[in-house]
Structure formats: structure tokens, C-alpha cells
Amino acid sequence: MEANELFERYKPLVKQNLLILALGLAGLILFGYGLISFFLSSHSVEEDIVFEAKEENLENISVNLTIDIEGSVVKPGVYLLPLNSRVKDALVIAGGLSANADRDFISKSINLATKLSDGAKIYIPRIGENVTVSTTSIIGSIVSEQININTATEEMLDSLPGVGPATIEKIINGRPYSSINDLLDKKVVGSKVFSDIKEKITAY
């Protein structure tokens, strides 16, 4: 039987089932597309989960700082604190002041609102202890990192970035300050200098 005769013989059957064949082919195409999309989306979700987990791990690495608090506290030692913690937070985690802590010195010389930095050392003197300059210099990032603009000497103010003799004179003449923002309010320094020194100074 020739090819033309064979085609003519089955032509009605092909026409009759053409719609079924077309629908079947379309179904296979849609199924294949859906299968590929599923695997691609699953792979994307896995990548997102891995990426988020890596981000979370990085955040966990950077959210703590280590401080050492010694002297007249209930539980002296080395502690982990969250970033942006203050001296007050360090005292709390160390159990608070001991009975022999020099509270008068603390109220006058330690700013409990001072932000701590990683590796900060805090020393709390006892009543009657001779607090020397070297002792004061290690009281939690207080003297070592932040300068009290109400009591700082010319030499201490001179260590601040962008602060020269003229500005030092303005700072001293503008005392007292209730907060570091008074430097701007009293026009002692400009916004540029203030931005450079605001993390290095305190007022109490």
C-alpha cells in the first residue's frame, strides 16, 4: 500500500482525534514547564534560606561586646553585653555596687550613660581608696574614651579632632554644659566639628 493511500485511509481517524492529541501535547508541555518551575523555585528558596542564615550568623557575630568590670561590684568579671550598652548596663550585669563602693565618687566622676566599647575596662573604687589618675583612666571608657567638657583641661580638649586653641577657649568660657548639644546651642562649635567629636565627649 502506497503512502498516499495509507494517509488517505487514516486521515478521518487523525482528524477525529486531532483535538485529543493537541490537548494531550499541551498537557505534556504544561506539566514539563510546571516541573521545571518547581525545581527552580525550590532551589531559589534554598538559596534564600542559606543567605538568610548567613546574614543571621553575621549579625550574631557583631551584636555583642566584651567588657571587664572590676572593683567594688557584687560579681566582678568579664561579661558579654549587647552593642550600644551603657556603663549602667555593665553595673547591672555585675550584680550592682557592693556595700563598700564609693558612691560619692561614682556620682561625681562616672557617667552611667556612657556607651561602652568592645574591650572596655570598668573599675569601681571602694570607700577610702586613693583614686589616682591611673585608676581614673580605666573607669570604663569614661576618661579614656570620652572627655567631660565641663572639667577637661586644655590638653584634653586639644586631643579632640578639629579643636584648636580658639575653640578650646570657647569651650572653657561656655561652661557649664548640661549636655554636649549645648556646644551647638551656644555656638561654641560648628556642626562639622560637633559631628567629629560628639562620640568622644560627654557632659555631666
N, C-alpha and C. Protein backbone atom coordinates (compact mmCIF):
# COMPACT_ATOMS: atom_id res chain seq x y z
N MET A 1 0.85 -1.18 0.00
CA MET A 1 0.00 0.00 0.00
C MET A 1 0.89 1.24 0.00
N GLU A 2 0.57 2.14 -0.92
CA GLU A 2 1.37 3.34 -1.02
C GLU A 2 1.09 4.29 0.14
N ALA A 3 2.05 5.20 0.31
CA ALA A 3 1.96 6.12 1.43
C ALA A 3 0.73 7.01 1.34
N ASN A 4 0.44 7.47 0.12
CA ASN A 4 -0.71 8.36 -0.06
C ASN A 4 -2.01 7.63 0.29
N GLU A 5 -2.09 6.37 -0.13
CA GLU A 5 -3.30 5.60 0.15
C GLU A 5 -3.44 5.38 1.66
N LEU A 6 -2.27 5.10 2.31
CA LEU A 6 -2.29 4.87 3.76
C LEU A 6 -2.74 6.13 4.51
N PHE A 7 -2.22 7.29 4.05
CA PHE A 7 -2.60 8.56 4.69
C PHE A 7 -4.09 8.84 4.51
N GLU A 8 -4.58 8.59 3.25
CA GLU A 8 -5.98 8.84 2.98
C GLU A 8 -6.89 7.92 3.80
N ARG A 9 -6.39 6.72 4.06
CA ARG A 9 -7.18 5.74 4.81
C ARG A 9 -7.36 6.17 6.27
N TYR A 10 -6.25 6.68 6.85
CA TYR A 10 -6.31 7.05 8.27
C TYR A 10 -6.59 8.53 8.51
N LYS A 11 -6.74 9.30 7.42
CA LYS A 11 -6.96 10.74 7.54
C LYS A 11 -8.19 11.06 8.40
N PRO A 12 -9.33 10.41 8.20
CA PRO A 12 -10.51 10.72 9.03
C PRO A 12 -10.24 10.44 10.51
N LEU A 13 -9.50 9.32 10.77
CA LEU A 13 -9.21 8.98 12.17
C LEU A 13 -8.33 10.04 12.82
N VAL A 14 -7.34 10.52 12.06
CA VAL A 14 -6.45 11.56 12.58
C VAL A 14 -7.23 12.83 12.86
N LYS A 15 -8.09 13.22 11.92
CA LYS A 15 -8.90 14.43 12.11
C LYS A 15 -9.80 14.30 13.32
N GLN A 16 -10.35 13.11 13.51
CA GLN A 16 -11.28 12.89 14.60
C GLN A 16 -10.60 13.02 15.97
N ASN A 17 -9.34 12.59 16.01
CA ASN A 17 -8.62 12.60 17.31
C ASN A 17 -7.60 13.73 17.40
N LEU A 18 -7.62 14.65 16.47
CA LEU A 18 -6.64 15.73 16.46
C LEU A 18 -6.74 16.60 17.71
N LEU A 19 -7.98 16.90 18.12
CA LEU A 19 -8.19 17.74 19.31
C LEU A 19 -7.63 17.05 20.56
N ILE A 20 -7.87 15.73 20.63
CA ILE A 20 -7.38 14.97 21.79
C ILE A 20 -5.85 14.97 21.82
N LEU A 21 -5.26 14.78 20.64
CA LEU A 21 -3.79 14.78 20.55
C LEU A 21 -3.21 16.15 20.92
N ALA A 22 -3.90 17.21 20.44
CA ALA A 22 -3.41 18.57 20.73
C ALA A 22 -3.49 18.86 22.22
N LEU A 23 -4.62 18.47 22.84
CA LEU A 23 -4.78 18.69 24.28
C LEU A 23 -3.75 17.89 25.08
N GLY A 24 -3.51 16.67 24.63
CA GLY A 24 -2.52 15.83 25.31
C GLY A 24 -1.12 16.43 25.22
N LEU A 25 -0.77 16.93 24.04
CA LEU A 25 0.53 17.56 23.84
C LEU A 25 0.67 18.81 24.70
N ALA A 26 -0.41 19.63 24.73
CA ALA A 26 -0.40 20.84 25.55
C ALA A 26 -0.25 20.49 27.03
N GLY A 27 -0.94 19.41 27.44
CA GLY A 27 -0.83 18.97 28.83
C GLY A 27 0.58 18.57 29.19
N LEU A 28 1.23 17.83 28.25
CA LEU A 28 2.62 17.43 28.49
C LEU A 28 3.54 18.64 28.61
N ILE A 29 3.32 19.64 27.74
CA ILE A 29 4.14 20.85 27.77
C ILE A 29 3.94 21.58 29.10
N LEU A 30 2.67 21.74 29.53
CA LEU A 30 2.39 22.44 30.79
C LEU A 30 2.97 21.68 31.98
N PHE A 31 2.86 20.34 31.94
CA PHE A 31 3.41 19.53 33.03
C PHE A 31 4.94 19.70 33.12
N GLY A 32 5.57 19.67 31.94
CA GLY A 32 7.03 19.85 31.92
C GLY A 32 7.44 21.22 32.42
N TYR A 33 6.71 22.25 32.01
CA TYR A 33 7.01 23.62 32.46
C TYR A 33 6.83 23.76 33.98
N GLY A 34 5.72 23.15 34.47
CA GLY A 34 5.47 23.22 35.91
C GLY A 34 6.54 22.51 36.71
N LEU A 35 6.99 21.36 36.19
CA LEU A 35 8.03 20.59 36.88
C LEU A 35 9.33 21.38 36.94
N ILE A 36 9.70 21.99 35.82
CA ILE A 36 10.93 22.80 35.78
C ILE A 36 10.81 24.00 36.72
N SER A 37 9.65 24.67 36.70
CA SER A 37 9.44 25.83 37.58
C SER A 37 9.53 25.44 39.05
N PHE A 38 8.99 24.25 39.37
CA PHE A 38 9.02 23.79 40.77
C PHE A 38 10.45 23.60 41.25
N PHE A 39 11.26 22.94 40.42
CA PHE A 39 12.65 22.71 40.82
C PHE A 39 13.43 24.01 40.92
N LEU A 40 13.16 24.93 39.99
CA LEU A 40 13.86 26.22 40.04
C LEU A 40 13.47 27.01 41.27
N SER A 41 12.14 27.03 41.60
CA SER A 41 11.69 27.78 42.77
C SER A 41 12.20 27.15 44.05
N SER A 42 12.26 25.82 44.10
CA SER A 42 12.78 25.14 45.29
C SER A 42 14.24 25.50 45.51
N HIS A 43 15.00 25.52 44.40
CA HIS A 43 16.41 25.88 44.50
C HIS A 43 16.58 27.32 44.98
N SER A 44 15.69 28.22 44.48
CA SER A 44 15.75 29.63 44.88
C SER A 44 15.44 29.79 46.36
N VAL A 45 14.41 29.04 46.84
CA VAL A 45 14.05 29.10 48.26
C VAL A 45 15.20 28.62 49.13
N GLU A 46 15.86 27.55 48.70
CA GLU A 46 17.00 27.02 49.46
C GLU A 46 18.12 28.05 49.53
N GLU A 47 18.37 28.73 48.40
CA GLU A 47 19.40 29.77 48.39
C GLU A 47 19.05 30.90 49.33
N ASP A 48 17.74 31.29 49.33
CA ASP A 48 17.29 32.37 50.22
C ASP A 48 17.48 31.98 51.68
N ILE A 49 17.14 30.72 52.00
CA ILE A 49 17.28 30.25 53.39
C ILE A 49 18.74 30.27 53.81
N VAL A 50 19.62 29.78 52.92
CA VAL A 50 21.06 29.78 53.22
C VAL A 50 21.57 31.19 53.39
N PHE A 51 21.13 32.11 52.50
CA PHE A 51 21.58 33.50 52.57
C PHE A 51 21.12 34.15 53.87
N GLU A 52 19.82 33.90 54.23
CA GLU A 52 19.29 34.48 55.47
C GLU A 52 20.03 33.92 56.69
N ALA A 53 20.35 32.62 56.64
CA ALA A 53 21.08 32.01 57.75
C ALA A 53 22.46 32.62 57.90
N LYS A 54 23.12 32.87 56.75
CA LYS A 54 24.45 33.50 56.79
C LYS A 54 24.35 34.91 57.36
N GLU A 55 23.31 35.64 56.92
CA GLU A 55 23.11 37.00 57.45
C GLU A 55 22.88 36.97 58.96
N GLU A 56 22.07 35.99 59.41
CA GLU A 56 21.77 35.89 60.84
C GLU A 56 23.05 35.58 61.61
N ASN A 57 23.89 34.69 61.06
CA ASN A 57 25.15 34.36 61.73
C ASN A 57 26.05 35.57 61.82
N LEU A 58 26.10 36.38 60.74
CA LEU A 58 26.93 37.58 60.75
C LEU A 58 26.43 38.56 61.79
N GLU A 59 25.09 38.66 61.90
CA GLU A 59 24.53 39.57 62.91
C GLU A 59 24.88 39.11 64.31
N ASN A 60 24.81 37.78 64.52
CA ASN A 60 25.12 37.25 65.84
C ASN A 60 26.56 37.49 66.22
N ILE A 61 27.46 37.52 65.20
CA ILE A 61 28.87 37.76 65.46
C ILE A 61 29.09 39.18 65.95
N SER A 62 28.29 40.13 65.44
CA SER A 62 28.58 41.54 65.69
C SER A 62 27.71 42.20 66.75
N VAL A 63 26.78 41.44 67.36
CA VAL A 63 25.86 42.11 68.27
C VAL A 63 26.34 42.18 69.71
N ASN A 64 27.46 41.56 70.03
CA ASN A 64 27.94 41.57 71.41
C ASN A 64 29.28 42.28 71.53
N LEU A 65 29.53 42.81 72.72
CA LEU A 65 30.84 43.35 73.04
C LEU A 65 31.26 42.79 74.39
N THR A 66 32.55 42.70 74.59
CA THR A 66 33.10 42.12 75.82
C THR A 66 33.67 43.22 76.69
N ILE A 67 33.28 43.22 77.95
CA ILE A 67 33.78 44.24 78.89
C ILE A 67 34.30 43.55 80.16
N ASP A 68 35.19 44.25 80.84
CA ASP A 68 35.75 43.75 82.10
C ASP A 68 35.40 44.75 83.20
N ILE A 69 34.65 44.32 84.19
CA ILE A 69 34.28 45.20 85.29
C ILE A 69 34.86 44.65 86.59
N GLU A 70 35.63 45.49 87.28
CA GLU A 70 36.32 45.06 88.49
C GLU A 70 36.08 46.07 89.61
N GLY A 71 36.61 45.74 90.78
CA GLY A 71 36.49 46.65 91.91
C GLY A 71 35.28 46.34 92.76
N SER A 72 34.64 47.39 93.27
CA SER A 72 33.57 47.25 94.25
C SER A 72 32.20 47.00 93.61
N VAL A 73 32.08 45.83 92.96
CA VAL A 73 30.79 45.36 92.45
C VAL A 73 30.56 43.97 93.03
N VAL A 74 29.32 43.53 93.00
CA VAL A 74 28.97 42.25 93.62
C VAL A 74 29.63 41.07 92.90
N LYS A 75 29.61 41.10 91.56
CA LYS A 75 30.18 39.99 90.78
C LYS A 75 31.15 40.52 89.72
N PRO A 76 32.37 40.88 90.12
CA PRO A 76 33.34 41.37 89.14
C PRO A 76 33.70 40.27 88.14
N GLY A 77 34.09 40.68 86.95
CA GLY A 77 34.50 39.70 85.95
C GLY A 77 34.33 40.22 84.54
N VAL A 78 34.47 39.31 83.57
CA VAL A 78 34.35 39.63 82.15
C VAL A 78 32.96 39.20 81.68
N TYR A 79 32.28 40.11 80.98
CA TYR A 79 30.90 39.84 80.56
C TYR A 79 30.69 40.20 79.09
N LEU A 80 29.68 39.55 78.50
CA LEU A 80 29.22 39.90 77.15
C LEU A 80 27.98 40.78 77.29
N LEU A 81 27.98 41.89 76.57
CA LEU A 81 26.83 42.80 76.58
C LEU A 81 26.44 43.12 75.14
N PRO A 82 25.17 43.47 74.91
CA PRO A 82 24.76 43.88 73.56
C PRO A 82 25.46 45.18 73.14
N LEU A 83 25.58 45.37 71.83
CA LEU A 83 26.12 46.63 71.32
C LEU A 83 25.28 47.79 71.84
N ASN A 84 25.92 48.94 71.97
CA ASN A 84 25.27 50.17 72.45
C ASN A 84 24.90 50.11 73.93
N SER A 85 25.47 49.15 74.66
CA SER A 85 25.23 49.11 76.10
C SER A 85 25.93 50.28 76.78
N ARG A 86 25.43 50.64 77.95
CA ARG A 86 25.97 51.76 78.72
C ARG A 86 26.67 51.24 79.98
N VAL A 87 27.38 52.14 80.65
CA VAL A 87 28.06 51.78 81.89
C VAL A 87 27.06 51.22 82.90
N LYS A 88 25.86 51.80 82.94
CA LYS A 88 24.82 51.33 83.86
C LYS A 88 24.50 49.86 83.61
N ASP A 89 24.46 49.44 82.33
CA ASP A 89 24.17 48.04 82.00
C ASP A 89 25.26 47.12 82.53
N ALA A 90 26.50 47.60 82.47
CA ALA A 90 27.62 46.80 83.00
C ALA A 90 27.48 46.61 84.50
N LEU A 91 27.09 47.66 85.20
CA LEU A 91 26.91 47.56 86.65
C LEU A 91 25.78 46.58 86.99
N VAL A 92 24.72 46.60 86.20
CA VAL A 92 23.58 45.71 86.45
C VAL A 92 23.99 44.25 86.27
N ILE A 93 24.71 43.95 85.16
CA ILE A 93 25.09 42.57 84.89
C ILE A 93 26.10 42.05 85.91
N ALA A 94 26.84 43.00 86.53
CA ALA A 94 27.81 42.62 87.56
C ALA A 94 27.17 42.55 88.94
N GLY A 95 25.87 42.63 89.02
CA GLY A 95 25.17 42.48 90.29
C GLY A 95 25.00 43.76 91.08
N GLY A 96 25.43 44.89 90.50
CA GLY A 96 25.30 46.17 91.19
C GLY A 96 26.52 46.48 92.05
N LEU A 97 26.47 47.61 92.72
CA LEU A 97 27.58 48.05 93.57
C LEU A 97 27.62 47.23 94.86
N SER A 98 28.83 46.98 95.34
CA SER A 98 28.97 46.29 96.62
C SER A 98 28.77 47.30 97.75
N ALA A 99 28.70 46.82 98.97
CA ALA A 99 28.42 47.68 100.12
C ALA A 99 29.51 48.72 100.35
N ASN A 100 30.76 48.38 99.97
CA ASN A 100 31.87 49.31 100.23
C ASN A 100 32.22 50.18 99.04
N ALA A 101 31.36 50.22 98.01
CA ALA A 101 31.64 51.05 96.83
C ALA A 101 31.57 52.52 97.19
N ASP A 102 32.46 53.30 96.61
CA ASP A 102 32.49 54.74 96.87
C ASP A 102 31.42 55.42 96.01
N ARG A 103 30.20 55.46 96.52
CA ARG A 103 29.07 56.00 95.77
C ARG A 103 29.22 57.50 95.50
N ASP A 104 29.86 58.21 96.38
CA ASP A 104 30.06 59.65 96.19
C ASP A 104 30.97 59.88 94.98
N PHE A 105 32.03 59.10 94.90
CA PHE A 105 32.94 59.21 93.75
C PHE A 105 32.22 58.84 92.46
N ILE A 106 31.43 57.79 92.52
CA ILE A 106 30.71 57.31 91.33
C ILE A 106 29.74 58.37 90.82
N SER A 107 28.99 59.00 91.73
CA SER A 107 28.01 60.01 91.31
C SER A 107 28.68 61.24 90.72
N LYS A 108 29.90 61.52 91.15
CA LYS A 108 30.59 62.72 90.66
C LYS A 108 31.46 62.46 89.43
N SER A 109 32.01 61.27 89.32
CA SER A 109 33.05 61.03 88.32
C SER A 109 32.70 60.02 87.24
N ILE A 110 31.64 59.26 87.41
CA ILE A 110 31.30 58.23 86.42
C ILE A 110 29.96 58.55 85.78
N ASN A 111 29.98 58.67 84.47
CA ASN A 111 28.74 58.91 83.72
C ASN A 111 28.12 57.56 83.36
N LEU A 112 27.06 57.20 84.03
CA LEU A 112 26.42 55.90 83.82
C LEU A 112 25.80 55.76 82.45
N ALA A 113 25.62 56.88 81.75
CA ALA A 113 25.00 56.85 80.42
C ALA A 113 26.04 56.67 79.31
N THR A 114 27.31 56.60 79.66
CA THR A 114 28.35 56.47 78.65
C THR A 114 28.24 55.14 77.90
N LYS A 115 28.34 55.21 76.57
CA LYS A 115 28.33 53.99 75.76
C LYS A 115 29.64 53.23 75.96
N LEU A 116 29.53 51.92 76.03
CA LEU A 116 30.71 51.08 76.18
C LEU A 116 31.23 50.64 74.82
N SER A 117 32.52 50.40 74.75
CA SER A 117 33.12 49.87 73.53
C SER A 117 33.67 48.49 73.83
N ASP A 118 33.90 47.70 72.78
CA ASP A 118 34.41 46.35 72.97
C ASP A 118 35.78 46.40 73.65
N GLY A 119 35.95 45.60 74.68
CA GLY A 119 37.22 45.57 75.40
C GLY A 119 37.33 46.61 76.50
N ALA A 120 36.23 47.31 76.82
CA ALA A 120 36.27 48.37 77.84
C ALA A 120 36.56 47.79 79.22
N LYS A 121 37.29 48.55 80.01
CA LYS A 121 37.61 48.18 81.39
C LYS A 121 36.92 49.16 82.32
N ILE A 122 36.18 48.63 83.28
CA ILE A 122 35.48 49.47 84.25
C ILE A 122 36.00 49.13 85.65
N TYR A 123 36.44 50.12 86.37
CA TYR A 123 36.91 49.90 87.74
C TYR A 123 36.09 50.77 88.69
N ILE A 124 35.51 50.16 89.70
CA ILE A 124 34.71 50.87 90.70
C ILE A 124 35.49 50.90 92.02
N PRO A 125 35.92 52.10 92.47
CA PRO A 125 36.73 52.18 93.70
C PRO A 125 35.88 51.95 94.96
N ARG A 126 36.54 51.54 96.02
CA ARG A 126 35.86 51.36 97.31
C ARG A 126 35.99 52.63 98.14
N ILE A 127 35.21 52.74 99.18
CA ILE A 127 35.26 53.90 100.08
C ILE A 127 36.66 54.00 100.71
N GLY A 128 37.23 55.18 100.65
CA GLY A 128 38.53 55.41 101.25
C GLY A 128 39.70 55.08 100.35
N GLU A 129 39.42 54.50 99.16
CA GLU A 129 40.50 54.16 98.25
C GLU A 129 41.07 55.43 97.62
N ASN A 130 42.38 55.48 97.52
CA ASN A 130 43.03 56.63 96.89
C ASN A 130 42.95 56.48 95.38
N VAL A 131 42.03 57.20 94.77
CA VAL A 131 41.82 57.08 93.32
C VAL A 131 42.81 57.96 92.60
N THR A 132 43.80 57.33 92.01
CA THR A 132 44.84 58.06 91.30
C THR A 132 44.43 58.30 89.86
N VAL A 133 45.24 59.06 89.14
CA VAL A 133 44.95 59.34 87.73
C VAL A 133 44.93 58.05 86.94
N SER A 134 45.86 57.14 87.27
CA SER A 134 45.91 55.88 86.53
C SER A 134 44.66 55.04 86.76
N THR A 135 44.13 55.11 88.00
CA THR A 135 42.89 54.38 88.28
C THR A 135 41.73 55.00 87.53
N THR A 136 41.64 56.32 87.57
CA THR A 136 40.55 57.01 86.89
C THR A 136 40.57 56.74 85.40
N SER A 137 41.76 56.57 84.83
CA SER A 137 41.86 56.42 83.38
C SER A 137 41.30 55.11 82.88
N ILE A 138 41.04 54.14 83.80
CA ILE A 138 40.49 52.87 83.34
C ILE A 138 39.05 52.68 83.81
N ILE A 139 38.39 53.73 84.22
CA ILE A 139 36.99 53.58 84.62
C ILE A 139 36.14 53.58 83.35
N GLY A 140 35.80 52.41 82.95
CA GLY A 140 35.04 52.08 81.79
C GLY A 140 35.08 52.94 80.60
N SER A 141 35.80 53.23 79.75
CA SER A 141 35.70 54.11 78.58
C SER A 141 35.34 55.52 78.99
N ILE A 142 35.41 55.87 80.23
CA ILE A 142 34.88 57.17 80.64
C ILE A 142 35.92 58.25 80.44
N VAL A 143 37.05 58.09 81.11
CA VAL A 143 38.09 59.07 80.89
C VAL A 143 38.89 58.73 79.65
N SER A 144 39.07 57.43 79.40
CA SER A 144 39.92 57.01 78.29
C SER A 144 39.30 57.32 76.94
N GLU A 145 37.95 57.30 76.84
CA GLU A 145 37.34 57.49 75.53
C GLU A 145 36.48 58.74 75.44
N GLN A 146 35.92 59.19 76.53
CA GLN A 146 35.06 60.36 76.48
C GLN A 146 35.58 61.44 77.43
N ILE A 147 35.61 62.63 76.91
CA ILE A 147 36.13 63.77 77.67
C ILE A 147 34.96 64.60 78.19
N ASN A 148 34.98 64.88 79.48
CA ASN A 148 33.93 65.70 80.09
C ASN A 148 34.24 67.17 79.78
N ILE A 149 33.40 67.77 78.95
CA ILE A 149 33.67 69.15 78.51
C ILE A 149 33.50 70.17 79.63
N ASN A 150 32.95 69.74 80.75
CA ASN A 150 32.81 70.64 81.90
C ASN A 150 34.08 70.72 82.75
N THR A 151 34.88 69.68 82.70
CA THR A 151 36.05 69.63 83.59
C THR A 151 37.37 69.40 82.86
N ALA A 152 37.32 69.12 81.57
CA ALA A 152 38.53 68.77 80.83
C ALA A 152 39.54 69.91 80.80
N THR A 153 40.82 69.54 80.85
CA THR A 153 41.89 70.53 80.75
C THR A 153 42.08 70.92 79.29
N GLU A 154 42.89 71.97 79.07
CA GLU A 154 43.17 72.40 77.70
C GLU A 154 43.84 71.27 76.91
N GLU A 155 44.73 70.54 77.58
CA GLU A 155 45.44 69.45 76.91
C GLU A 155 44.46 68.36 76.46
N MET A 156 43.48 68.05 77.31
CA MET A 156 42.50 67.03 76.96
C MET A 156 41.62 67.49 75.79
N LEU A 157 41.20 68.73 75.82
CA LEU A 157 40.37 69.26 74.73
C LEU A 157 41.16 69.34 73.43
N ASP A 158 42.45 69.60 73.55
CA ASP A 158 43.30 69.70 72.37
C ASP A 158 43.43 68.37 71.63
N SER A 159 43.13 67.27 72.33
CA SER A 159 43.23 65.96 71.70
C SER A 159 42.03 65.65 70.80
N LEU A 160 41.00 66.47 70.88
CA LEU A 160 39.81 66.26 70.06
C LEU A 160 40.05 66.71 68.63
N PRO A 161 39.55 65.95 67.65
CA PRO A 161 39.75 66.32 66.25
C PRO A 161 39.06 67.64 65.88
N GLY A 162 39.79 68.51 65.19
CA GLY A 162 39.22 69.77 64.73
C GLY A 162 39.11 70.85 65.79
N VAL A 163 39.62 70.57 67.00
CA VAL A 163 39.54 71.54 68.10
C VAL A 163 40.92 72.18 68.31
N GLY A 164 41.00 73.48 68.03
CA GLY A 164 42.25 74.21 68.20
C GLY A 164 42.17 75.16 69.37
N PRO A 165 43.19 76.00 69.56
CA PRO A 165 43.24 76.92 70.71
C PRO A 165 42.01 77.82 70.83
N ALA A 166 41.53 78.36 69.71
CA ALA A 166 40.38 79.27 69.77
C ALA A 166 39.12 78.53 70.24
N THR A 167 38.92 77.31 69.72
CA THR A 167 37.75 76.53 70.12
C THR A 167 37.86 76.08 71.57
N ILE A 168 39.07 75.73 71.99
CA ILE A 168 39.29 75.33 73.39
C ILE A 168 38.87 76.46 74.32
N GLU A 169 39.27 77.69 73.97
CA GLU A 169 38.92 78.85 74.79
C GLU A 169 37.41 79.04 74.85
N LYS A 170 36.73 78.82 73.70
CA LYS A 170 35.27 78.95 73.65
C LYS A 170 34.60 77.90 74.53
N ILE A 171 35.12 76.67 74.49
CA ILE A 171 34.54 75.59 75.29
C ILE A 171 34.66 75.90 76.77
N ILE A 172 35.83 76.35 77.19
CA ILE A 172 36.06 76.65 78.61
C ILE A 172 35.20 77.83 79.06
N ASN A 173 35.13 78.86 78.21
CA ASN A 173 34.34 80.05 78.56
C ASN A 173 32.83 79.77 78.55
N GLY A 174 32.42 78.75 77.81
CA GLY A 174 31.00 78.46 77.70
C GLY A 174 30.46 77.56 78.80
N ARG A 175 31.30 77.11 79.69
CA ARG A 175 30.85 76.25 80.79
C ARG A 175 29.92 76.99 81.74
N PRO A 176 29.00 76.25 82.41
CA PRO A 176 28.81 74.80 82.38
C PRO A 176 27.88 74.35 81.24
N TYR A 177 27.94 73.04 80.95
CA TYR A 177 27.09 72.44 79.92
C TYR A 177 26.24 71.35 80.56
N SER A 178 24.96 71.35 80.25
CA SER A 178 24.09 70.28 80.77
C SER A 178 24.10 69.07 79.85
N SER A 179 24.45 69.28 78.58
CA SER A 179 24.60 68.18 77.63
C SER A 179 25.55 68.62 76.54
N ILE A 180 26.06 67.67 75.77
CA ILE A 180 27.02 68.03 74.72
C ILE A 180 26.36 68.87 73.63
N ASN A 181 25.04 68.79 73.50
CA ASN A 181 24.34 69.59 72.48
C ASN A 181 24.41 71.09 72.77
N ASP A 182 24.77 71.42 74.02
CA ASP A 182 24.94 72.83 74.36
C ASP A 182 26.05 73.48 73.54
N LEU A 183 27.00 72.67 73.09
CA LEU A 183 28.08 73.21 72.24
C LEU A 183 27.51 73.82 70.97
N LEU A 184 26.47 73.21 70.44
CA LEU A 184 25.80 73.75 69.25
C LEU A 184 24.88 74.90 69.62
N ASP A 185 24.13 74.71 70.69
CA ASP A 185 23.16 75.73 71.10
C ASP A 185 23.85 77.05 71.46
N LYS A 186 25.03 76.94 72.07
CA LYS A 186 25.79 78.13 72.46
C LYS A 186 26.74 78.61 71.36
N LYS A 187 26.67 77.89 70.21
CA LYS A 187 27.51 78.24 69.05
C LYS A 187 29.00 78.21 69.41
N VAL A 188 29.36 77.25 70.23
CA VAL A 188 30.78 77.08 70.60
C VAL A 188 31.53 76.39 69.46
N VAL A 189 30.89 75.41 68.83
CA VAL A 189 31.48 74.72 67.69
C VAL A 189 30.44 74.63 66.57
N GLY A 190 30.93 74.42 65.36
CA GLY A 190 30.04 74.24 64.22
C GLY A 190 29.59 72.79 64.12
N SER A 191 28.65 72.52 63.22
CA SER A 191 28.08 71.18 63.08
C SER A 191 29.12 70.16 62.62
N LYS A 192 30.08 70.62 61.78
CA LYS A 192 31.12 69.69 61.28
C LYS A 192 32.00 69.21 62.43
N VAL A 193 32.50 70.13 63.23
CA VAL A 193 33.36 69.76 64.37
C VAL A 193 32.55 68.93 65.37
N PHE A 194 31.31 69.33 65.62
CA PHE A 194 30.48 68.60 66.58
C PHE A 194 30.29 67.16 66.14
N SER A 195 30.06 66.96 64.84
CA SER A 195 29.90 65.61 64.32
C SER A 195 31.14 64.77 64.53
N ASP A 196 32.32 65.41 64.45
CA ASP A 196 33.59 64.69 64.61
C ASP A 196 33.88 64.33 66.06
N ILE A 197 33.37 65.14 67.01
CA ILE A 197 33.76 64.94 68.41
C ILE A 197 32.64 64.40 69.31
N LYS A 198 31.42 64.31 68.81
CA LYS A 198 30.28 64.00 69.69
C LYS A 198 30.40 62.64 70.36
N GLU A 199 31.07 61.67 69.71
CA GLU A 199 31.22 60.35 70.32
C GLU A 199 32.38 60.31 71.31
N LYS A 200 33.18 61.38 71.32
CA LYS A 200 34.37 61.41 72.18
C LYS A 200 34.19 62.29 73.42
N ILE A 201 33.03 62.92 73.54
CA ILE A 201 32.83 63.85 74.66
C ILE A 201 31.58 63.51 75.45
N THR A 202 31.50 64.04 76.65
CA THR A 202 30.31 63.90 77.49
C THR A 202 30.18 65.15 78.33
N ALA A 203 29.04 65.32 78.99
CA ALA A 203 28.83 66.48 79.85
C ALA A 203 28.04 66.05 81.08
N TYR A 204 28.62 66.25 82.25
CA TYR A 204 27.90 65.93 83.49
C TYR A 204 28.52 66.71 84.64
